[in-house]
Amino acid sequence: MACRITQLLIDCADPQRLGDFWCEVLGYVELGWEDGALEIGPPDTGFGGPRPTLMFLPNPEPKRTKLRLHFDLNPTDRDQHTELDRLLAAGARPIDIGQGPDVSWHVLADPEGNEFCLLRRRVEAVGSPSST
């Protein structure tokens, strides 16, 4: 392997608000601030571990169009419906990007309108006993 994704950067109006949302969704923690940007990541490894960290960069420009890159999430310890309820309670909202009524996933937006999908299939959490 030549490279590995270690960090994803996301422009946003409110790094703290978006960081708090994604910490709740992913089970991440705040790792620190640098030049107005907030980095969050896995509590056990932080930057450079098997899961990438997220860096929220302040940007006053509003999101205007559908993202060209988005996250696909899978539940790790519950079914899709229960996880959907948890994500909605955390601040996600359902959106329609033309996916149609018969898809097996849910298209959602984070508090700043960034699209992501909740897929049906359950996967093991990274670092669980059977994944190491």
Protein backbone atom coordinates (compact mmCIF):
# COMPACT_ATOMS: atom_id res chain seq x y z
CA MET A 1 0.00 0.00 0.00
CA ALA A 2 1.35 3.40 -0.94
CA CYS A 3 -0.98 5.76 0.94
CA ARG A 4 -3.78 5.81 3.49
CA ILE A 5 -6.41 8.45 4.20
CA THR A 6 -5.54 9.90 7.61
CA GLN A 7 -7.62 13.08 7.70
CA LEU A 8 -10.62 14.59 5.94
CA LEU A 9 -11.06 18.37 5.86
CA ILE A 10 -14.50 19.97 5.79
CA ASP A 11 -15.22 23.66 5.27
CA CYS A 12 -17.99 24.91 7.55
CA ALA A 13 -19.50 28.01 9.11
CA ASP A 14 -19.32 26.72 12.70
CA PRO A 15 -16.51 24.22 13.41
CA GLN A 16 -17.62 23.62 17.01
CA ARG A 17 -21.23 22.83 16.08
CA LEU A 18 -20.24 20.50 13.26
CA GLY A 19 -17.48 18.91 15.32
CA ASP A 20 -19.91 18.23 18.17
CA PHE A 21 -22.38 16.63 15.74
CA TRP A 22 -19.81 14.33 14.13
CA CYS A 23 -18.32 13.42 17.53
CA GLU A 24 -21.79 12.22 18.54
CA VAL A 25 -22.33 10.35 15.26
CA LEU A 26 -18.92 8.64 15.10
CA GLY A 27 -18.02 8.30 18.78
CA TYR A 28 -15.07 10.66 18.20
CA VAL A 29 -13.60 13.20 20.61
CA GLU A 30 -12.25 16.69 20.17
CA LEU A 31 -8.49 16.45 19.55
CA GLY A 32 -7.71 20.16 19.44
CA TRP A 33 -7.77 23.47 17.62
CA GLU A 34 -5.27 24.89 15.16
CA ASP A 35 -5.65 28.26 13.42
CA GLY A 36 -9.42 28.30 14.04
CA ALA A 37 -9.92 24.74 12.79
CA LEU A 38 -11.20 21.93 15.00
CA GLU A 39 -9.86 18.38 14.68
CA ILE A 40 -11.85 15.40 15.96
CA GLY A 41 -10.93 11.75 15.93
CA PRO A 42 -11.06 8.36 17.59
CA PRO A 43 -10.55 8.61 21.35
CA ASP A 44 -8.08 5.74 21.47
CA THR A 45 -5.68 6.71 18.66
CA GLY A 46 -6.24 10.24 17.40
CA PHE A 47 -4.38 11.24 14.24
CA GLY A 48 -2.60 8.48 12.35
CA GLY A 49 -4.71 5.61 13.65
CA PRO A 50 -6.74 3.18 11.55
CA ARG A 51 -9.68 5.62 11.27
CA PRO A 52 -9.20 9.09 9.74
CA THR A 53 -9.62 12.23 11.78
CA LEU A 54 -11.91 15.06 10.63
CA MET A 55 -10.77 18.68 10.53
CA PHE A 56 -13.44 21.41 10.39
CA LEU A 57 -12.13 24.55 8.74
CA PRO A 58 -13.99 27.84 9.22
CA ASN A 59 -15.35 29.21 5.97
CA PRO A 60 -18.03 31.93 5.85
CA GLU A 61 -19.26 30.94 2.37
CA PRO A 62 -22.51 28.93 2.45
CA LYS A 63 -22.77 25.47 0.89
CA ARG A 64 -24.40 25.92 -2.51
CA THR A 65 -24.67 22.54 -4.24
CA LYS A 66 -24.68 18.81 -3.60
CA LEU A 67 -21.30 17.60 -2.39
CA ARG A 68 -19.12 15.69 -4.81
CA LEU A 69 -17.90 13.51 -1.94
CA HIS A 70 -19.97 12.26 0.97
CA PHE A 71 -19.78 9.79 3.84
CA ASP A 72 -21.54 6.44 3.79
CA LEU A 73 -22.16 5.23 7.34
CA ASN A 74 -23.07 1.75 8.55
CA PRO A 75 -24.42 0.93 11.99
CA THR A 76 -22.06 -1.09 14.18
CA ASP A 77 -24.11 -2.08 17.21
CA ARG A 78 -27.78 -1.68 16.22
CA ASP A 79 -30.10 -2.00 13.25
CA GLN A 80 -30.51 0.72 10.63
CA HIS A 81 -33.84 1.99 11.96
CA THR A 82 -32.52 2.41 15.52
CA GLU A 83 -29.39 4.13 14.20
CA LEU A 84 -31.53 6.45 12.05
CA ASP A 85 -33.46 7.50 15.15
CA ARG A 86 -30.17 8.23 16.95
CA LEU A 87 -28.80 10.31 14.05
CA LEU A 88 -32.01 12.33 13.79
CA ALA A 89 -31.93 13.00 17.54
CA ALA A 90 -28.30 14.18 17.17
CA GLY A 91 -29.33 16.80 14.59
CA ALA A 92 -29.31 15.05 11.21
CA ARG A 93 -32.25 15.60 8.90
CA PRO A 94 -33.59 13.57 5.97
CA ILE A 95 -33.05 15.05 2.52
CA ASP A 96 -34.08 14.15 -1.01
CA ILE A 97 -31.37 14.23 -3.66
CA GLY A 98 -33.41 12.18 -6.11
CA GLN A 99 -32.74 8.79 -4.55
CA GLY A 100 -36.32 7.51 -4.96
CA PRO A 101 -38.53 5.69 -2.46
CA ASP A 102 -37.24 2.14 -2.95
CA VAL A 103 -33.60 2.49 -1.87
CA SER A 104 -32.26 0.60 1.13
CA TRP A 105 -30.34 3.60 2.53
CA HIS A 106 -31.32 6.92 4.09
CA VAL A 107 -29.93 10.18 2.72
CA LEU A 108 -29.37 12.67 5.51
CA ALA A 109 -27.74 16.06 6.04
CA ASP A 110 -25.63 17.21 8.96
CA PRO A 111 -26.43 20.53 10.70
CA GLU A 112 -24.76 22.52 7.88
CA GLY A 113 -26.45 20.59 5.05
CA ASN A 114 -23.61 18.23 4.12
CA GLU A 115 -25.07 15.03 2.68
CA PHE A 116 -24.31 11.58 4.04
CA CYS A 117 -25.98 8.19 3.76
CA LEU A 118 -26.93 5.64 6.38
CA LEU A 119 -26.66 2.20 4.83
CA ARG A 120 -28.57 -0.86 5.98
CA ARG A 121 -25.85 -3.46 6.57
CA ARG A 122 -24.29 -3.65 10.02
CA VAL A 123 -20.50 -3.77 10.18
CA GLU A 124 -18.07 -4.40 13.01
CA ALA A 125 -16.59 -1.42 14.78
CA VAL A 126 -12.90 -0.82 14.03
CA GLY A 127 -10.92 -2.23 16.92
CA SER A 128 -13.58 -4.76 17.93
CA PRO A 129 -12.15 -8.15 18.99
CA SER A 130 -13.07 -9.92 15.73
CA SER A 131 -11.65 -7.11 13.54
CA THR A 132 -8.14 -7.21 15.01
